[in-house]
Each structure stands twice: as C-alpha cells, then as structure tokens.
N, C-alpha and C. Protein backbone atom coordinates (compact mmCIF):
# COMPACT_ATOMS: atom_id res chain seq x y z
N MET A 1 76.67 128.76 208.23
CA MET A 1 76.40 127.77 209.25
C MET A 1 75.89 128.42 210.53
N ARG A 2 76.33 129.62 210.81
CA ARG A 2 75.93 130.27 212.05
C ARG A 2 74.44 130.60 212.06
N ILE A 3 73.88 130.93 210.91
CA ILE A 3 72.47 131.29 210.87
C ILE A 3 71.59 130.06 211.11
N GLU A 4 72.06 128.88 210.69
CA GLU A 4 71.30 127.67 210.93
C GLU A 4 71.21 127.35 212.42
N LEU A 5 72.28 127.60 213.14
CA LEU A 5 72.24 127.39 214.60
C LEU A 5 71.20 128.29 215.25
N LEU A 6 71.16 129.54 214.81
CA LEU A 6 70.19 130.47 215.36
C LEU A 6 68.76 130.08 214.99
N LEU A 7 68.55 129.62 213.76
CA LEU A 7 67.21 129.21 213.34
C LEU A 7 66.72 127.98 214.11
N PHE A 8 67.59 127.01 214.32
CA PHE A 8 67.20 125.83 215.10
C PHE A 8 66.94 126.20 216.55
N SER A 9 67.71 127.13 217.07
CA SER A 9 67.49 127.58 218.44
C SER A 9 66.12 128.23 218.59
N VAL A 10 65.75 129.05 217.63
CA VAL A 10 64.43 129.69 217.65
C VAL A 10 63.33 128.65 217.47
N ALA A 11 63.56 127.66 216.62
CA ALA A 11 62.57 126.60 216.41
C ALA A 11 62.36 125.79 217.69
N PHE A 12 63.44 125.48 218.40
CA PHE A 12 63.30 124.75 219.67
C PHE A 12 62.55 125.58 220.70
N ALA A 13 62.82 126.88 220.74
CA ALA A 13 62.11 127.75 221.68
C ALA A 13 60.62 127.82 221.32
N PHE A 14 60.30 127.84 220.01
CA PHE A 14 58.90 127.85 219.58
C PHE A 14 58.19 126.55 219.97
N LEU A 15 58.86 125.42 219.80
CA LEU A 15 58.28 124.15 220.20
C LEU A 15 58.06 124.09 221.72
N ALA A 16 58.95 124.72 222.47
CA ALA A 16 58.77 124.78 223.92
C ALA A 16 57.53 125.60 224.27
N LEU A 17 57.25 126.64 223.51
CA LEU A 17 56.03 127.43 223.75
C LEU A 17 54.78 126.61 223.45
N ILE A 18 54.84 125.77 222.42
CA ILE A 18 53.70 124.90 222.12
C ILE A 18 53.49 123.90 223.27
N LEU A 19 54.59 123.39 223.82
CA LEU A 19 54.47 122.47 224.95
C LEU A 19 53.94 123.17 226.19
N LEU A 20 54.12 124.47 226.27
CA LEU A 20 53.56 125.23 227.39
C LEU A 20 52.04 125.14 227.40
N LEU A 21 51.43 125.08 226.22
CA LEU A 21 49.97 124.88 226.14
C LEU A 21 49.58 123.51 226.70
N ARG A 22 50.35 122.48 226.38
CA ARG A 22 50.07 121.14 226.90
C ARG A 22 50.26 121.10 228.41
N LEU A 23 51.24 121.86 228.88
CA LEU A 23 51.49 121.93 230.32
C LEU A 23 50.30 122.55 231.04
N ALA A 24 49.68 123.54 230.44
CA ALA A 24 48.54 124.19 231.07
C ALA A 24 47.25 123.41 230.88
N LYS A 25 47.10 122.72 229.74
CA LYS A 25 45.83 122.09 229.38
C LYS A 25 45.80 120.59 229.64
N GLY A 26 46.95 119.97 229.89
CA GLY A 26 47.05 118.51 230.01
C GLY A 26 45.94 117.87 230.82
N PRO A 27 45.34 116.80 230.31
CA PRO A 27 44.21 116.19 231.03
C PRO A 27 44.62 115.51 232.34
N THR A 28 45.84 114.99 232.41
CA THR A 28 46.28 114.34 233.64
C THR A 28 47.60 114.96 234.11
N ALA A 29 47.94 114.64 235.34
CA ALA A 29 49.19 115.17 235.90
C ALA A 29 50.40 114.56 235.19
N ALA A 30 50.28 113.33 234.75
CA ALA A 30 51.40 112.70 234.02
C ALA A 30 51.65 113.40 232.69
N ASP A 31 50.58 113.81 231.99
CA ASP A 31 50.74 114.56 230.74
C ASP A 31 51.45 115.88 231.00
N ARG A 32 51.09 116.53 232.08
CA ARG A 32 51.74 117.79 232.43
C ARG A 32 53.22 117.57 232.75
N MET A 33 53.52 116.48 233.43
CA MET A 33 54.90 116.20 233.78
C MET A 33 55.74 115.93 232.52
N VAL A 34 55.20 115.16 231.59
CA VAL A 34 55.92 114.86 230.35
C VAL A 34 56.11 116.14 229.53
N ALA A 35 55.11 117.00 229.50
CA ALA A 35 55.24 118.26 228.77
C ALA A 35 56.29 119.15 229.41
N GLY A 36 56.32 119.19 230.71
CA GLY A 36 57.33 120.00 231.39
C GLY A 36 58.73 119.49 231.16
N ASP A 37 58.90 118.17 231.19
CA ASP A 37 60.21 117.58 230.96
C ASP A 37 60.65 117.79 229.51
N SER A 38 59.74 117.64 228.58
CA SER A 38 60.06 117.87 227.17
C SER A 38 60.43 119.33 226.93
N MET A 39 59.72 120.23 227.60
CA MET A 39 60.01 121.64 227.46
C MET A 39 61.41 121.95 228.01
N ASP A 40 61.76 121.31 229.10
CA ASP A 40 63.09 121.49 229.68
C ASP A 40 64.18 121.03 228.71
N VAL A 41 63.98 119.89 228.08
CA VAL A 41 64.96 119.36 227.12
C VAL A 41 65.09 120.30 225.92
N LEU A 42 63.98 120.81 225.41
CA LEU A 42 64.04 121.71 224.26
C LEU A 42 64.73 123.02 224.60
N VAL A 43 64.46 123.56 225.76
CA VAL A 43 65.11 124.81 226.16
C VAL A 43 66.61 124.58 226.35
N CYS A 44 66.99 123.45 226.91
CA CYS A 44 68.41 123.15 227.07
C CYS A 44 69.10 123.00 225.71
N CYS A 45 68.44 122.35 224.78
CA CYS A 45 69.01 122.22 223.42
C CYS A 45 69.13 123.59 222.75
N ALA A 46 68.14 124.44 222.94
CA ALA A 46 68.21 125.79 222.37
C ALA A 46 69.36 126.58 222.98
N MET A 47 69.59 126.41 224.28
CA MET A 47 70.71 127.12 224.91
C MET A 47 72.06 126.60 224.42
N VAL A 48 72.17 125.31 224.18
CA VAL A 48 73.42 124.75 223.64
C VAL A 48 73.67 125.30 222.24
N LEU A 49 72.64 125.33 221.42
CA LEU A 49 72.82 125.86 220.07
C LEU A 49 73.16 127.35 220.10
N TYR A 50 72.52 128.09 220.99
CA TYR A 50 72.83 129.51 221.10
C TYR A 50 74.25 129.73 221.62
N SER A 51 74.71 128.84 222.49
CA SER A 51 76.08 128.92 222.97
C SER A 51 77.07 128.72 221.83
N LEU A 52 76.79 127.76 220.95
CA LEU A 52 77.64 127.56 219.78
C LEU A 52 77.58 128.76 218.84
N TYR A 53 76.41 129.35 218.70
CA TYR A 53 76.23 130.51 217.81
C TYR A 53 76.99 131.73 218.32
N SER A 54 76.87 131.99 219.63
CA SER A 54 77.49 133.20 220.17
C SER A 54 78.95 133.00 220.54
N GLY A 55 79.37 131.76 220.72
CA GLY A 55 80.75 131.49 221.07
C GLY A 55 81.05 131.73 222.55
N ARG A 56 80.01 131.82 223.37
CA ARG A 56 80.18 132.04 224.80
C ARG A 56 79.82 130.77 225.55
N GLY A 57 80.70 130.35 226.43
CA GLY A 57 80.51 129.10 227.15
C GLY A 57 79.54 129.19 228.31
N ILE A 58 79.19 130.39 228.74
CA ILE A 58 78.31 130.53 229.90
C ILE A 58 76.93 129.93 229.62
N TYR A 59 76.47 130.03 228.37
CA TYR A 59 75.16 129.46 228.04
C TYR A 59 75.20 127.93 228.10
N LEU A 60 76.33 127.36 227.78
CA LEU A 60 76.48 125.91 227.87
C LEU A 60 76.44 125.45 229.33
N ASP A 61 77.09 126.21 230.20
CA ASP A 61 77.05 125.89 231.63
C ASP A 61 75.63 125.98 232.18
N ILE A 62 74.91 127.01 231.77
CA ILE A 62 73.53 127.18 232.23
C ILE A 62 72.66 126.05 231.71
N ALA A 63 72.88 125.62 230.46
CA ALA A 63 72.10 124.52 229.89
C ALA A 63 72.35 123.22 230.65
N ILE A 64 73.59 122.97 231.04
CA ILE A 64 73.90 121.75 231.80
C ILE A 64 73.22 121.77 233.16
N ILE A 65 73.27 122.91 233.84
CA ILE A 65 72.62 123.04 235.15
C ILE A 65 71.11 122.89 235.01
N CYS A 66 70.54 123.48 233.97
CA CYS A 66 69.10 123.38 233.72
C CYS A 66 68.70 121.92 233.46
N ALA A 67 69.51 121.19 232.72
CA ALA A 67 69.21 119.78 232.45
C ALA A 67 69.29 118.95 233.72
N LEU A 68 70.28 119.21 234.56
CA LEU A 68 70.40 118.46 235.82
C LEU A 68 69.23 118.74 236.75
N LEU A 69 68.81 120.00 236.82
CA LEU A 69 67.65 120.32 237.65
C LEU A 69 66.37 119.71 237.07
N GLY A 70 66.29 119.61 235.75
CA GLY A 70 65.13 118.98 235.13
C GLY A 70 65.04 117.50 235.45
N ILE A 71 66.18 116.83 235.51
CA ILE A 71 66.20 115.40 235.86
C ILE A 71 65.72 115.21 237.29
N VAL A 72 66.22 116.03 238.20
CA VAL A 72 65.82 115.92 239.61
C VAL A 72 64.33 116.23 239.75
N ASP A 73 63.87 117.24 239.05
CA ASP A 73 62.45 117.60 239.09
C ASP A 73 61.58 116.46 238.59
N THR A 74 61.96 115.84 237.50
CA THR A 74 61.19 114.73 236.95
C THR A 74 61.14 113.55 237.92
N MET A 75 62.27 113.26 238.55
CA MET A 75 62.28 112.15 239.51
C MET A 75 61.39 112.45 240.71
N LEU A 76 61.44 113.68 241.22
CA LEU A 76 60.61 114.02 242.39
C LEU A 76 59.12 114.02 242.06
N VAL A 77 58.76 114.60 240.94
CA VAL A 77 57.35 114.63 240.57
C VAL A 77 56.84 113.23 240.24
N GLY A 78 57.66 112.41 239.58
CA GLY A 78 57.27 111.03 239.31
C GLY A 78 57.05 110.24 240.58
N ARG A 79 57.92 110.45 241.56
CA ARG A 79 57.75 109.77 242.85
C ARG A 79 56.48 110.24 243.56
N TYR A 80 56.21 111.54 243.46
CA TYR A 80 55.01 112.08 244.08
C TYR A 80 53.75 111.51 243.42
N LEU A 81 53.76 111.41 242.11
CA LEU A 81 52.60 110.87 241.42
C LEU A 81 52.41 109.38 241.71
N GLU A 82 53.51 108.66 241.91
CA GLU A 82 53.42 107.23 242.16
C GLU A 82 53.02 106.92 243.61
N LYS A 83 53.65 107.57 244.57
CA LYS A 83 53.44 107.21 245.98
C LYS A 83 52.61 108.21 246.76
N GLY A 84 52.40 109.39 246.22
CA GLY A 84 51.59 110.38 246.91
C GLY A 84 52.36 111.20 247.93
N ARG A 85 53.68 111.09 247.94
CA ARG A 85 54.49 111.91 248.84
C ARG A 85 55.85 112.15 248.18
N TRP A 86 56.57 113.19 248.64
CA TRP A 86 57.83 113.57 248.04
C TRP A 86 58.96 112.65 248.46
N PHE A 87 59.11 112.44 249.77
CA PHE A 87 60.23 111.66 250.28
C PHE A 87 59.73 110.47 251.08
N GLU A 88 60.58 109.49 251.25
CA GLU A 88 60.27 108.29 252.03
C GLU A 88 60.20 108.65 253.50
N LYS A 89 59.17 108.17 254.18
CA LYS A 89 59.04 108.41 255.62
C LYS A 89 59.11 107.13 256.37
C-alpha cells in the first residue's frame, strides 16, 4: 500500500508540471488563473499523500497552509480580473 501512495504522489506532481505549461501558455488571464489554482490543488494532494507515505505530519501542515494561501490567491486574482484592482477603494 505504501508504494501506491508514492506513485500517486509522483503522478500528481507530474500533472502539476503539465499544468505549468498551461500557466505559461494560457491564452487568457482566466486560463492562467485556473491552471495555477489546479496546480496548487494537485501539489497539496501530493503533499498529503507523501505525508501518509512518510508518516511525518509536517508535510500535512505544509499542505494545509499551501491550500489556504491558494484560496486567498485565487480570490485576490479573481477580484483583480473582475474589477481591475486588488482592494476596494
């Protein structure tokens, strides 16, 4: 069972690398934002699986913090794309 966790973790990391191409090549800013958010989710899932594989909780903590920062990043970039500014003035 432990090898399957490692294989899925590597597969998620590989999919994140493929999304990196979409992040660089995306035709619109919204496509880039979705690719970045998807990449964040995949990396967080890979860290959770690696945490289960290694038995160390520090990777789980880092994955949770990474997911929270990804949510905030998505909200800020979405607001910027919608209104043209970061914060309400």
